[in-house]
Amino acid sequence: FLFVVMMLDINFDKLREGFFKYLWLAAIVGIVMLGE
């Protein structure tokens, strides 16, 4: 995985897009896992 990530030309700006858009869904999944 490290070799693949280092060899690819990743656009970090596109990766950061939509982070806060799906934050609520990630928070719900995390709370459910913590409860389990």
Full PDB file with SEQRES, HELIX, SHEET, SSBOND, CRYST1, ORIGX, SCALE, CONECT and MASTER records, all heavy atoms in Angstrom:
SEQRES   1 A   36  PHE LEU PHE VAL VAL MET MET LEU ASP ILE ASN PHE ASP          
SEQRES   2 A   36  LYS LEU ARG GLU GLY PHE PHE LYS TYR LEU TRP LEU ALA          
SEQRES   3 A   36  ALA ILE VAL GLY ILE VAL MET LEU GLY GLU                      
HELIX    1 AA1 LEU A    2  MET A    7  1                                   6    
HELIX    2 AA2 PHE A   12  ARG A   16  1                                   5    
HELIX    3 AA3 LEU A   23  GLY A   35  1                                  13    
CRYST1    1.000    1.000    1.000  90.00  90.00  90.00 P 1           1          
ORIGX1      1.000000  0.000000  0.000000        0.00000                         
ORIGX2      0.000000  1.000000  0.000000        0.00000                         
ORIGX3      0.000000  0.000000  1.000000        0.00000                         
SCALE1      1.000000  0.000000  0.000000        0.00000                         
SCALE2      0.000000  1.000000  0.000000        0.00000                         
SCALE3      0.000000  0.000000  1.000000        0.00000                         
ATOM      1  N   PHE A   1       0.826  -1.204   0.000  1.00  0.00           N  
ATOM      2  CA  PHE A   1       0.000   0.000   0.000  1.00  0.00           C  
ATOM      3  C   PHE A   1       0.863   1.259   0.000  1.00  0.00           C  
ATOM      4  O   PHE A   1       0.572   2.231  -0.710  1.00  0.00           O  
ATOM      5  CB  PHE A   1      -0.921  -0.016   1.224  1.00  0.00           C  
ATOM      6  CG  PHE A   1      -1.862   1.151   1.288  1.00  0.00           C  
ATOM      7  CD1 PHE A   1      -2.981   1.203   0.479  1.00  0.00           C  
ATOM      8  CD2 PHE A   1      -1.630   2.206   2.152  1.00  0.00           C  
ATOM      9  CE1 PHE A   1      -3.846   2.276   0.526  1.00  0.00           C  
ATOM     10  CE2 PHE A   1      -2.481   3.291   2.207  1.00  0.00           C  
ATOM     11  CZ  PHE A   1      -3.604   3.324   1.393  1.00  0.00           C  
ATOM     12  N   LEU A   2       1.935   1.257   0.764  1.00  0.00           N  
ATOM     13  CA  LEU A   2       2.834   2.413   0.791  1.00  0.00           C  
ATOM     14  C   LEU A   2       3.490   2.629  -0.568  1.00  0.00           C  
ATOM     15  O   LEU A   2       3.621   3.769  -1.032  1.00  0.00           O  
ATOM     16  CB  LEU A   2       3.897   2.216   1.871  1.00  0.00           C  
ATOM     17  CG  LEU A   2       3.481   2.558   3.310  1.00  0.00           C  
ATOM     18  CD1 LEU A   2       4.592   2.191   4.276  1.00  0.00           C  
ATOM     19  CD2 LEU A   2       3.157   4.032   3.434  1.00  0.00           C  
ATOM     20  N   PHE A   3       3.927   1.561  -1.212  1.00  0.00           N  
ATOM     21  CA  PHE A   3       4.535   1.695  -2.536  1.00  0.00           C  
ATOM     22  C   PHE A   3       3.536   2.274  -3.532  1.00  0.00           C  
ATOM     23  O   PHE A   3       3.882   3.144  -4.345  1.00  0.00           O  
ATOM     24  CB  PHE A   3       5.046   0.340  -3.025  1.00  0.00           C  
ATOM     25  CG  PHE A   3       6.451   0.043  -2.602  1.00  0.00           C  
ATOM     26  CD1 PHE A   3       6.711  -0.849  -1.579  1.00  0.00           C  
ATOM     27  CD2 PHE A   3       7.527   0.663  -3.222  1.00  0.00           C  
ATOM     28  CE1 PHE A   3       8.009  -1.120  -1.182  1.00  0.00           C  
ATOM     29  CE2 PHE A   3       8.822   0.394  -2.836  1.00  0.00           C  
ATOM     30  CZ  PHE A   3       9.070  -0.495  -1.809  1.00  0.00           C  
ATOM     31  N   VAL A   4       2.284   1.810  -3.492  1.00  0.00           N  
ATOM     32  CA  VAL A   4       1.273   2.308  -4.419  1.00  0.00           C  
ATOM     33  C   VAL A   4       0.983   3.778  -4.160  1.00  0.00           C  
ATOM     34  O   VAL A   4       0.878   4.589  -5.096  1.00  0.00           O  
ATOM     35  CB  VAL A   4      -0.009   1.460  -4.298  1.00  0.00           C  
ATOM     36  CG1 VAL A   4      -1.138   2.085  -5.106  1.00  0.00           C  
ATOM     37  CG2 VAL A   4       0.241   0.039  -4.769  1.00  0.00           C  
ATOM     38  N   VAL A   5       0.847   4.165  -2.894  1.00  0.00           N  
ATOM     39  CA  VAL A   5       0.552   5.561  -2.559  1.00  0.00           C  
ATOM     40  C   VAL A   5       1.703   6.468  -2.970  1.00  0.00           C  
ATOM     41  O   VAL A   5       1.500   7.571  -3.494  1.00  0.00           O  
ATOM     42  CB  VAL A   5       0.251   5.687  -1.056  1.00  0.00           C  
ATOM     43  CG1 VAL A   5       0.178   7.151  -0.644  1.00  0.00           C  
ATOM     44  CG2 VAL A   5      -1.056   4.995  -0.727  1.00  0.00           C  
ATOM     45  N   MET A   6       2.946   6.026  -2.746  1.00  0.00           N  
ATOM     46  CA  MET A   6       4.092   6.861  -3.085  1.00  0.00           C  
ATOM     47  C   MET A   6       4.292   6.977  -4.598  1.00  0.00           C  
ATOM     48  O   MET A   6       4.788   8.000  -5.087  1.00  0.00           O  
ATOM     49  CB  MET A   6       5.357   6.285  -2.440  1.00  0.00           C  
ATOM     50  CG  MET A   6       5.392   6.407  -0.932  1.00  0.00           C  
ATOM     51  SD  MET A   6       6.899   5.696  -0.234  1.00  0.00           S  
ATOM     52  CE  MET A   6       6.623   5.975   1.513  1.00  0.00           C  
ATOM     53  N   MET A   7       3.938   5.955  -5.353  1.00  0.00           N  
ATOM     54  CA  MET A   7       4.148   5.989  -6.794  1.00  0.00           C  
ATOM     55  C   MET A   7       3.057   6.749  -7.528  1.00  0.00           C  
ATOM     56  O   MET A   7       3.285   7.235  -8.638  1.00  0.00           O  
ATOM     57  CB  MET A   7       4.242   4.561  -7.345  1.00  0.00           C  
ATOM     58  CG  MET A   7       5.471   3.793  -6.891  1.00  0.00           C  
ATOM     59  SD  MET A   7       5.478   2.089  -7.461  1.00  0.00           S  
ATOM     60  CE  MET A   7       5.554   2.315  -9.233  1.00  0.00           C  
ATOM     61  N   LEU A   8       1.859   6.854  -6.935  1.00  0.00           N  
ATOM     62  CA  LEU A   8       0.761   7.552  -7.597  1.00  0.00           C  
ATOM     63  C   LEU A   8       0.872   9.050  -7.359  1.00  0.00           C  
ATOM     64  O   LEU A   8       1.331   9.505  -6.316  1.00  0.00           O  
ATOM     65  CB  LEU A   8      -0.587   7.047  -7.067  1.00  0.00           C  
ATOM     66  CG  LEU A   8      -0.949   5.596  -7.399  1.00  0.00           C  
ATOM     67  CD1 LEU A   8      -2.279   5.238  -6.785  1.00  0.00           C  
ATOM     68  CD2 LEU A   8      -1.001   5.384  -8.904  1.00  0.00           C  
ATOM     69  N   ASP A   9       0.430   9.806  -8.334  1.00  0.00           N  
ATOM     70  CA  ASP A   9       0.389  11.267  -8.219  1.00  0.00           C  
ATOM     71  C   ASP A   9      -0.979  11.653  -7.658  1.00  0.00           C  
ATOM     72  O   ASP A   9      -1.943  11.875  -8.402  1.00  0.00           O  
ATOM     73  CB  ASP A   9       0.630  11.907  -9.585  1.00  0.00           C  
ATOM     74  CG  ASP A   9       0.788  13.412  -9.470  1.00  0.00           C  
ATOM     75  OD1 ASP A   9       0.922  13.901  -8.325  1.00  0.00           O  
ATOM     76  OD2 ASP A   9       0.777  14.085 -10.514  1.00  0.00           O  
ATOM     77  N   ILE A  10      -1.069  11.728  -6.341  1.00  0.00           N  
ATOM     78  CA  ILE A  10      -2.344  11.956  -5.673  1.00  0.00           C  
ATOM     79  C   ILE A  10      -2.562  13.459  -5.491  1.00  0.00           C  
ATOM     80  O   ILE A  10      -1.667  14.177  -5.040  1.00  0.00           O  
ATOM     81  CB  ILE A  10      -2.391  11.238  -4.314  1.00  0.00           C  
ATOM     82  CG1 ILE A  10      -2.209   9.731  -4.517  1.00  0.00           C  
ATOM     83  CG2 ILE A  10      -3.705  11.516  -3.603  1.00  0.00           C  
ATOM     84  CD1 ILE A  10      -2.144   8.957  -3.233  1.00  0.00           C  
ATOM     85  N   ASN A  11      -3.736  13.913  -5.837  1.00  0.00           N  
ATOM     86  CA  ASN A  11      -4.122  15.307  -5.627  1.00  0.00           C  
ATOM     87  C   ASN A  11      -4.761  15.415  -4.243  1.00  0.00           C  
ATOM     88  O   ASN A  11      -5.893  14.982  -4.021  1.00  0.00           O  
ATOM     89  CB  ASN A  11      -5.104  15.759  -6.716  1.00  0.00           C  
ATOM     90  CG  ASN A  11      -5.327  17.248  -6.698  1.00  0.00           C  
ATOM     91  OD1 ASN A  11      -4.900  17.947  -5.765  1.00  0.00           O  
ATOM     92  ND2 ASN A  11      -5.985  17.755  -7.718  1.00  0.00           N  
ATOM     93  N   PHE A  12      -4.026  15.986  -3.302  1.00  0.00           N  
ATOM     94  CA  PHE A  12      -4.510  16.053  -1.926  1.00  0.00           C  
ATOM     95  C   PHE A  12      -5.683  17.024  -1.776  1.00  0.00           C  
ATOM     96  O   PHE A  12      -6.484  16.881  -0.858  1.00  0.00           O  
ATOM     97  CB  PHE A  12      -3.370  16.463  -0.994  1.00  0.00           C  
ATOM     98  CG  PHE A  12      -2.248  15.465  -0.960  1.00  0.00           C  
ATOM     99  CD1 PHE A  12      -1.063  15.707  -1.631  1.00  0.00           C  
ATOM    100  CD2 PHE A  12      -2.379  14.279  -0.275  1.00  0.00           C  
ATOM    101  CE1 PHE A  12      -0.035  14.790  -1.604  1.00  0.00           C  
ATOM    102  CE2 PHE A  12      -1.357  13.349  -0.242  1.00  0.00           C  
ATOM    103  CZ  PHE A  12      -0.176  13.609  -0.907  1.00  0.00           C  
ATOM    104  N   ASP A  13      -5.787  18.007  -2.653  1.00  0.00           N  
ATOM    105  CA  ASP A  13      -6.905  18.940  -2.569  1.00  0.00           C  
ATOM    106  C   ASP A  13      -8.234  18.243  -2.847  1.00  0.00           C  
ATOM    107  O   ASP A  13      -9.251  18.506  -2.192  1.00  0.00           O  
ATOM    108  CB  ASP A  13      -6.703  20.085  -3.558  1.00  0.00           C  
ATOM    109  CG  ASP A  13      -5.486  20.934  -3.195  1.00  0.00           C  
ATOM    110  OD1 ASP A  13      -5.150  20.999  -1.988  1.00  0.00           O  
ATOM    111  OD2 ASP A  13      -4.871  21.513  -4.108  1.00  0.00           O  
ATOM    112  N   LYS A  14      -8.233  17.334  -3.830  1.00  0.00           N  
ATOM    113  CA  LYS A  14      -9.457  16.591  -4.121  1.00  0.00           C  
ATOM    114  C   LYS A  14      -9.802  15.611  -3.003  1.00  0.00           C  
ATOM    115  O   LYS A  14     -10.975  15.317  -2.762  1.00  0.00           O  
ATOM    116  CB  LYS A  14      -9.312  15.839  -5.444  1.00  0.00           C  
ATOM    117  CG  LYS A  14      -9.262  16.758  -6.659  1.00  0.00           C  
ATOM    118  CD  LYS A  14      -9.227  15.942  -7.946  1.00  0.00           C  
ATOM    119  CE  LYS A  14      -9.232  16.859  -9.162  1.00  0.00           C  
ATOM    120  NZ  LYS A  14      -9.208  16.096 -10.441  1.00  0.00           N  
ATOM    121  N   LEU A  15      -8.773  15.096  -2.327  1.00  0.00           N  
ATOM    122  CA  LEU A  15      -9.047  14.187  -1.223  1.00  0.00           C  
ATOM    123  C   LEU A  15      -9.707  14.901  -0.054  1.00  0.00           C  
ATOM    124  O   LEU A  15     -10.516  14.311   0.667  1.00  0.00           O  
ATOM    125  CB  LEU A  15      -7.741  13.525  -0.755  1.00  0.00           C  
ATOM    126  CG  LEU A  15      -7.109  12.503  -1.694  1.00  0.00           C  
ATOM    127  CD1 LEU A  15      -5.804  11.996  -1.110  1.00  0.00           C  
ATOM    128  CD2 LEU A  15      -8.053  11.337  -1.947  1.00  0.00           C  
ATOM    129  N   ARG A  16      -9.356  16.155   0.138  1.00  0.00           N  
ATOM    130  CA  ARG A  16      -9.936  16.908   1.256  1.00  0.00           C  
ATOM    131  C   ARG A  16     -11.347  17.388   0.966  1.00  0.00           C  
ATOM    132  O   ARG A  16     -12.077  17.764   1.892  1.00  0.00           O  
ATOM    133  CB  ARG A  16      -9.038  18.111   1.583  1.00  0.00           C  
ATOM    134  CG  ARG A  16      -7.627  17.733   2.016  1.00  0.00           C  
ATOM    135  CD  ARG A  16      -6.878  18.949   2.522  1.00  0.00           C  
ATOM    136  NE  ARG A  16      -5.485  18.622   2.815  1.00  0.00           N  
ATOM    137  CZ  ARG A  16      -4.470  18.879   2.003  1.00  0.00           C  
ATOM    138  NH1 ARG A  16      -4.700  19.488   0.848  1.00  0.00           N  
ATOM    139  NH2 ARG A  16      -3.244  18.553   2.335  1.00  0.00           N  
ATOM    140  N   GLU A  17     -11.733  17.387  -0.313  1.00  0.00           N  
ATOM    141  CA  GLU A  17     -13.078  17.825  -0.646  1.00  0.00           C  
ATOM    142  C   GLU A  17     -14.121  16.818  -0.155  1.00  0.00           C  
ATOM    143  O   GLU A  17     -13.970  15.623  -0.304  1.00  0.00           O  
ATOM    144  CB  GLU A  17     -13.214  18.000  -2.166  1.00  0.00           C  
ATOM    145  CG  GLU A  17     -12.362  19.121  -2.727  1.00  0.00           C  
ATOM    146  CD  GLU A  17     -12.502  19.241  -4.228  1.00  0.00           C  
ATOM    147  OE1 GLU A  17     -13.241  18.405  -4.803  1.00  0.00           O  
ATOM    148  OE2 GLU A  17     -11.885  20.147  -4.821  1.00  0.00           O  
ATOM    149  N   GLY A  18     -15.179  17.329   0.414  1.00  0.00           N  
ATOM    150  CA  GLY A  18     -16.245  16.476   0.907  1.00  0.00           C  
ATOM    151  C   GLY A  18     -15.979  15.831   2.244  1.00  0.00           C  
ATOM    152  O   GLY A  18     -16.723  14.935   2.646  1.00  0.00           O  
ATOM    153  N   PHE A  19     -14.901  16.257   2.951  1.00  0.00           N  
ATOM    154  CA  PHE A  19     -14.607  15.649   4.252  1.00  0.00           C  
ATOM    155  C   PHE A  19     -15.689  16.006   5.267  1.00  0.00           C  
ATOM    156  O   PHE A  19     -16.224  15.125   5.962  1.00  0.00           O  
ATOM    157  CB  PHE A  19     -13.236  16.124   4.734  1.00  0.00           C  
ATOM    158  CG  PHE A  19     -12.855  15.597   6.094  1.00  0.00           C  
ATOM    159  CD1 PHE A  19     -12.383  14.311   6.247  1.00  0.00           C  
ATOM    160  CD2 PHE A  19     -12.990  16.395   7.216  1.00  0.00           C  
ATOM    161  CE1 PHE A  19     -12.046  13.811   7.495  1.00  0.00           C  
ATOM    162  CE2 PHE A  19     -12.658  15.911   8.470  1.00  0.00           C  
ATOM    163  CZ  PHE A  19     -12.179  14.618   8.604  1.00  0.00           C  
ATOM    164  N   PHE A  20     -16.036  17.276   5.369  1.00  0.00           N  
ATOM    165  CA  PHE A  20     -17.052  17.699   6.330  1.00  0.00           C  
ATOM    166  C   PHE A  20     -18.461  17.355   5.858  1.00  0.00           C  
ATOM    167  O   PHE A  20     -19.390  17.335   6.659  1.00  0.00           O  
ATOM    168  CB  PHE A  20     -16.938  19.208   6.575  1.00  0.00           C  
ATOM    169  CG  PHE A  20     -15.662  19.600   7.258  1.00  0.00           C  
ATOM    170  CD1 PHE A  20     -14.600  20.106   6.527  1.00  0.00           C  
ATOM    171  CD2 PHE A  20     -15.508  19.451   8.628  1.00  0.00           C  
ATOM    172  CE1 PHE A  20     -13.415  20.465   7.145  1.00  0.00           C  
ATOM    173  CE2 PHE A  20     -14.336  19.809   9.258  1.00  0.00           C  
ATOM    174  CZ  PHE A  20     -13.279  20.321   8.518  1.00  0.00           C  
ATOM    175  N   LYS A  21     -18.593  17.073   4.550  1.00  0.00           N  
ATOM    176  CA  LYS A  21     -19.911  16.717   4.036  1.00  0.00           C  
ATOM    177  C   LYS A  21     -20.384  15.383   4.592  1.00  0.00           C  
ATOM    178  O   LYS A  21     -21.579  15.193   4.871  1.00  0.00           O  
ATOM    179  CB  LYS A  21     -19.855  16.681   2.504  1.00  0.00           C  
ATOM    180  CG  LYS A  21     -21.171  16.353   1.838  1.00  0.00           C  
ATOM    181  CD  LYS A  21     -21.023  16.355   0.328  1.00  0.00           C  
ATOM    182  CE  LYS A  21     -22.331  15.992  -0.358  1.00  0.00           C  
ATOM    183  NZ  LYS A  21     -22.179  15.964  -1.843  1.00  0.00           N  
ATOM    184  N   TYR A  22     -19.462  14.440   4.735  1.00  0.00           N  
ATOM    185  CA  TYR A  22     -19.805  13.109   5.240  1.00  0.00           C  
ATOM    186  C   TYR A  22     -19.345  12.904   6.682  1.00  0.00           C  
ATOM    187  O   TYR A  22     -19.275  11.762   7.148  1.00  0.00           O  
ATOM    188  CB  TYR A  22     -19.176  12.032   4.354  1.00  0.00           C  
ATOM    189  CG  TYR A  22     -19.613  12.108   2.919  1.00  0.00           C  
ATOM    190  CD1 TYR A  22     -18.814  12.705   1.949  1.00  0.00           C  
ATOM    191  CD2 TYR A  22     -20.843  11.589   2.516  1.00  0.00           C  
ATOM    192  CE1 TYR A  22     -19.209  12.783   0.618  1.00  0.00           C  
ATOM    193  CE2 TYR A  22     -21.252  11.656   1.186  1.00  0.00           C  
ATOM    194  CZ  TYR A  22     -20.437  12.253   0.250  1.00  0.00           C  
ATOM    195  OH  TYR A  22     -20.839  12.326  -1.055  1.00  0.00           O  
ATOM    196  N   LEU A  23     -19.033  13.987   7.374  1.00  0.00           N  
ATOM    197  CA  LEU A  23     -18.574  13.858   8.755  1.00  0.00           C  
ATOM    198  C   LEU A  23     -19.670  13.343   9.666  1.00  0.00           C  
ATOM    199  O   LEU A  23     -19.418  12.554  10.580  1.00  0.00           O  
ATOM    200  CB  LEU A  23     -18.049  15.210   9.249  1.00  0.00           C  
ATOM    201  CG  LEU A  23     -17.454  15.228  10.658  1.00  0.00           C  
ATOM    202  CD1 LEU A  23     -16.274  14.275  10.747  1.00  0.00           C  
ATOM    203  CD2 LEU A  23     -17.030  16.642  11.045  1.00  0.00           C  
ATOM    204  N   TRP A  24     -20.897  13.771   9.428  1.00  0.00           N  
ATOM    205  CA  TRP A  24     -22.001  13.320  10.286  1.00  0.00           C  
ATOM    206  C   TRP A  24     -22.241  11.816  10.163  1.00  0.00           C  
ATOM    207  O   TRP A  24     -22.517  11.139  11.160  1.00  0.00           O  
ATOM    208  CB  TRP A  24     -23.271  14.078   9.925  1.00  0.00           C  
ATOM    209  CG  TRP A  24     -23.733  13.832   8.518  1.00  0.00           C  
ATOM    210  CD1 TRP A  24     -23.353  14.491   7.394  1.00  0.00           C  
ATOM    211  CD2 TRP A  24     -24.650  12.824   8.089  1.00  0.00           C  
ATOM    212  NE1 TRP A  24     -23.971  13.981   6.279  1.00  0.00           N  
ATOM    213  CE2 TRP A  24     -24.789  12.961   6.666  1.00  0.00           C  
ATOM    214  CE3 TRP A  24     -25.383  11.846   8.749  1.00  0.00           C  
ATOM    215  CZ2 TRP A  24     -25.611  12.133   5.921  1.00  0.00           C  
ATOM    216  CZ3 TRP A  24     -26.207  11.018   8.009  1.00  0.00           C  
ATOM    217  CH2 TRP A  24     -26.312  11.159   6.608  1.00  0.00           C  
ATOM    218  N   LEU A  25     -22.107  11.298   8.942  1.00  0.00           N  
ATOM    219  CA  LEU A  25     -22.282   9.856   8.745  1.00  0.00           C  
ATOM    220  C   LEU A  25     -21.160   9.080   9.431  1.00  0.00           C  
ATOM    221  O   LEU A  25     -21.411   8.038  10.067  1.00  0.00           O  
ATOM    222  CB  LEU A  25     -22.313   9.539   7.252  1.00  0.00           C  
ATOM    223  CG  LEU A  25     -22.484   8.071   6.856  1.00  0.00           C  
ATOM    224  CD1 LEU A  25     -23.796   7.521   7.412  1.00  0.00           C  
ATOM    225  CD2 LEU A  25     -22.424   7.908   5.346  1.00  0.00           C  
ATOM    226  N   ALA A  26     -19.928   9.575   9.306  1.00  0.00           N  
ATOM    227  CA  ALA A  26     -18.811   8.915   9.988  1.00  0.00           C  
ATOM    228  C   ALA A  26     -18.983   8.964  11.502  1.00  0.00           C  
ATOM    229  O   ALA A  26     -18.648   7.995  12.212  1.00  0.00           O  
ATOM    230  CB  ALA A  26     -17.499   9.576   9.579  1.00  0.00           C  
ATOM    231  N   ALA A  27     -19.510  10.071  12.021  1.00  0.00           N  
ATOM    232  CA  ALA A  27     -19.729  10.184  13.466  1.00  0.00           C  
ATOM    233  C   ALA A  27     -20.774   9.174  13.945  1.00  0.00           C  
ATOM    234  O   ALA A  27     -20.620   8.545  15.005  1.00  0.00           O  
ATOM    235  CB  ALA A  27     -20.154  11.601  13.816  1.00  0.00           C  
ATOM    236  N   ILE A  28     -21.837   8.997  13.167  1.00  0.00           N  
ATOM    237  CA  ILE A  28     -22.870   8.017  13.554  1.00  0.00           C  
ATOM    238  C   ILE A  28     -22.299   6.602  13.556  1.00  0.00           C  
ATOM    239  O   ILE A  28     -22.536   5.819  14.493  1.00  0.00           O  
ATOM    240  CB  ILE A  28     -24.072   8.128  12.585  1.00  0.00           C  
ATOM    241  CG1 ILE A  28     -24.772   9.476  12.768  1.00  0.00           C  
ATOM    242  CG2 ILE A  28     -25.046   6.981  12.830  1.00  0.00           C  
ATOM    243  CD1 ILE A  28     -25.898   9.697  11.779  1.00  0.00           C  
ATOM    244  N   VAL A  29     -21.546   6.261  12.509  1.00  0.00           N  
ATOM    245  CA  VAL A  29     -20.943   4.923  12.452  1.00  0.00           C  
ATOM    246  C   VAL A  29     -19.968   4.717  13.612  1.00  0.00           C  
ATOM    247  O   VAL A  29     -19.935   3.646  14.242  1.00  0.00           O  
ATOM    248  CB  VAL A  29     -20.241   4.724  11.095  1.00  0.00           C  
ATOM    249  CG1 VAL A  29     -19.493   3.400  11.065  1.00  0.00           C  
ATOM    250  CG2 VAL A  29     -21.260   4.764   9.958  1.00  0.00           C  
ATOM    251  N   GLY A  30     -19.170   5.734  13.920  1.00  0.00           N  
ATOM    252  CA  GLY A  30     -18.232   5.620  15.036  1.00  0.00           C  
ATOM    253  C   GLY A  30     -18.932   5.449  16.369  1.00  0.00           C  
ATOM    254  O   GLY A  30     -18.499   4.657  17.223  1.00  0.00           O  
ATOM    255  N   ILE A  31     -20.046   6.169  16.580  1.00  0.00           N  
ATOM    256  CA  ILE A  31     -20.788   6.040  17.843  1.00  0.00           C  
ATOM    257  C   ILE A  31     -21.408   4.654  17.961  1.00  0.00           C  
ATOM    258  O   ILE A  31     -21.406   4.039  19.040  1.00  0.00           O  
ATOM    259  CB  ILE A  31     -21.865   7.139  17.925  1.00  0.00           C  
ATOM    260  CG1 ILE A  31     -21.204   8.516  18.075  1.00  0.00           C  
ATOM    261  CG2 ILE A  31     -22.800   6.888  19.095  1.00  0.00           C  
ATOM    262  CD1 ILE A  31     -22.185   9.670  17.996  1.00  0.00           C  
ATOM    263  N   VAL A  32     -21.916   4.131  16.854  1.00  0.00           N  
ATOM    264  CA  VAL A  32     -22.488   2.776  16.883  1.00  0.00           C  
ATOM    265  C   VAL A  32     -21.412   1.739  17.202  1.00  0.00           C  
ATOM    266  O   VAL A  32     -21.621   0.823  18.029  1.00  0.00           O  
ATOM    267  CB  VAL A  32     -23.167   2.464  15.534  1.00  0.00           C  
ATOM    268  CG1 VAL A  32     -23.580   0.995  15.462  1.00  0.00           C  
ATOM    269  CG2 VAL A  32     -24.379   3.356  15.336  1.00  0.00           C  
ATOM    270  N   MET A  33     -20.235   1.868  16.590  1.00  0.00           N  
ATOM    271  CA  MET A  33     -19.151   0.926  16.870  1.00  0.00           C  
ATOM    272  C   MET A  33     -18.687   1.049  18.325  1.00  0.00           C  
ATOM    273  O   MET A  33     -18.409   0.029  18.985  1.00  0.00           O  
ATOM    274  CB  MET A  33     -17.987   1.186  15.914  1.00  0.00           C  
ATOM    275  CG  MET A  33     -18.284   0.871  14.466  1.00  0.00           C  
ATOM    276  SD  MET A  33     -16.928   1.299  13.346  1.00  0.00           S  
ATOM    277  CE  MET A  33     -15.628   0.243  13.991  1.00  0.00           C  
ATOM    278  N   LEU A  34     -18.608   2.279  18.829  1.00  0.00           N  
ATOM    279  CA  LEU A  34     -18.220   2.459  20.231  1.00  0.00           C  
ATOM    280  C   LEU A  34     -19.241   1.842  21.167  1.00  0.00           C  
ATOM    281  O   LEU A  34     -18.879   1.204  22.172  1.00  0.00           O  
ATOM    282  CB  LEU A  34     -18.059   3.959  20.518  1.00  0.00           C  
ATOM    283  CG  LEU A  34     -17.635   4.326  21.948  1.00  0.00           C  
ATOM    284  CD1 LEU A  34     -16.269   3.725  22.271  1.00  0.00           C  
ATOM    285  CD2 LEU A  34     -17.598   5.843  22.115  1.00  0.00           C  
ATOM    286  N   GLY A  35     -20.527   1.994  20.843  1.00  0.00           N  
ATOM    287  CA  GLY A  35     -21.557   1.378  21.671  1.00  0.00           C  
ATOM    288  C   GLY A  35     -21.475  -0.142  21.662  1.00  0.00           C  
ATOM    289  O   GLY A  35     -21.677  -0.793  22.700  1.00  0.00           O  
ATOM    290  N   GLU A  36     -21.162  -0.718  20.504  1.00  0.00           N  
ATOM    291  CA  GLU A  36     -21.024  -2.184  20.431  1.00  0.00           C  
ATOM    292  C   GLU A  36     -19.846  -2.666  21.275  1.00  0.00           C  
ATOM    293  O   GLU A  36     -19.951  -3.687  21.979  1.00  0.00           O  
ATOM    294  CB  GLU A  36     -20.851  -2.607  18.976  1.00  0.00           C  
ATOM    295  CG  GLU A  36     -22.092  -2.406  18.125  1.00  0.00           C  
ATOM    296  CD  GLU A  36     -21.855  -2.755  16.683  1.00  0.00           C  
ATOM    297  OE1 GLU A  36     -20.675  -3.019  16.331  1.00  0.00           O  
ATOM    298  OE2 GLU A  36     -22.832  -2.777  15.896  1.00  0.00           O  
TER     299      GLU A  36                                                      
MASTER        0    0    0    3    0    0    0    6  298    1    0    3          
END                                                                             
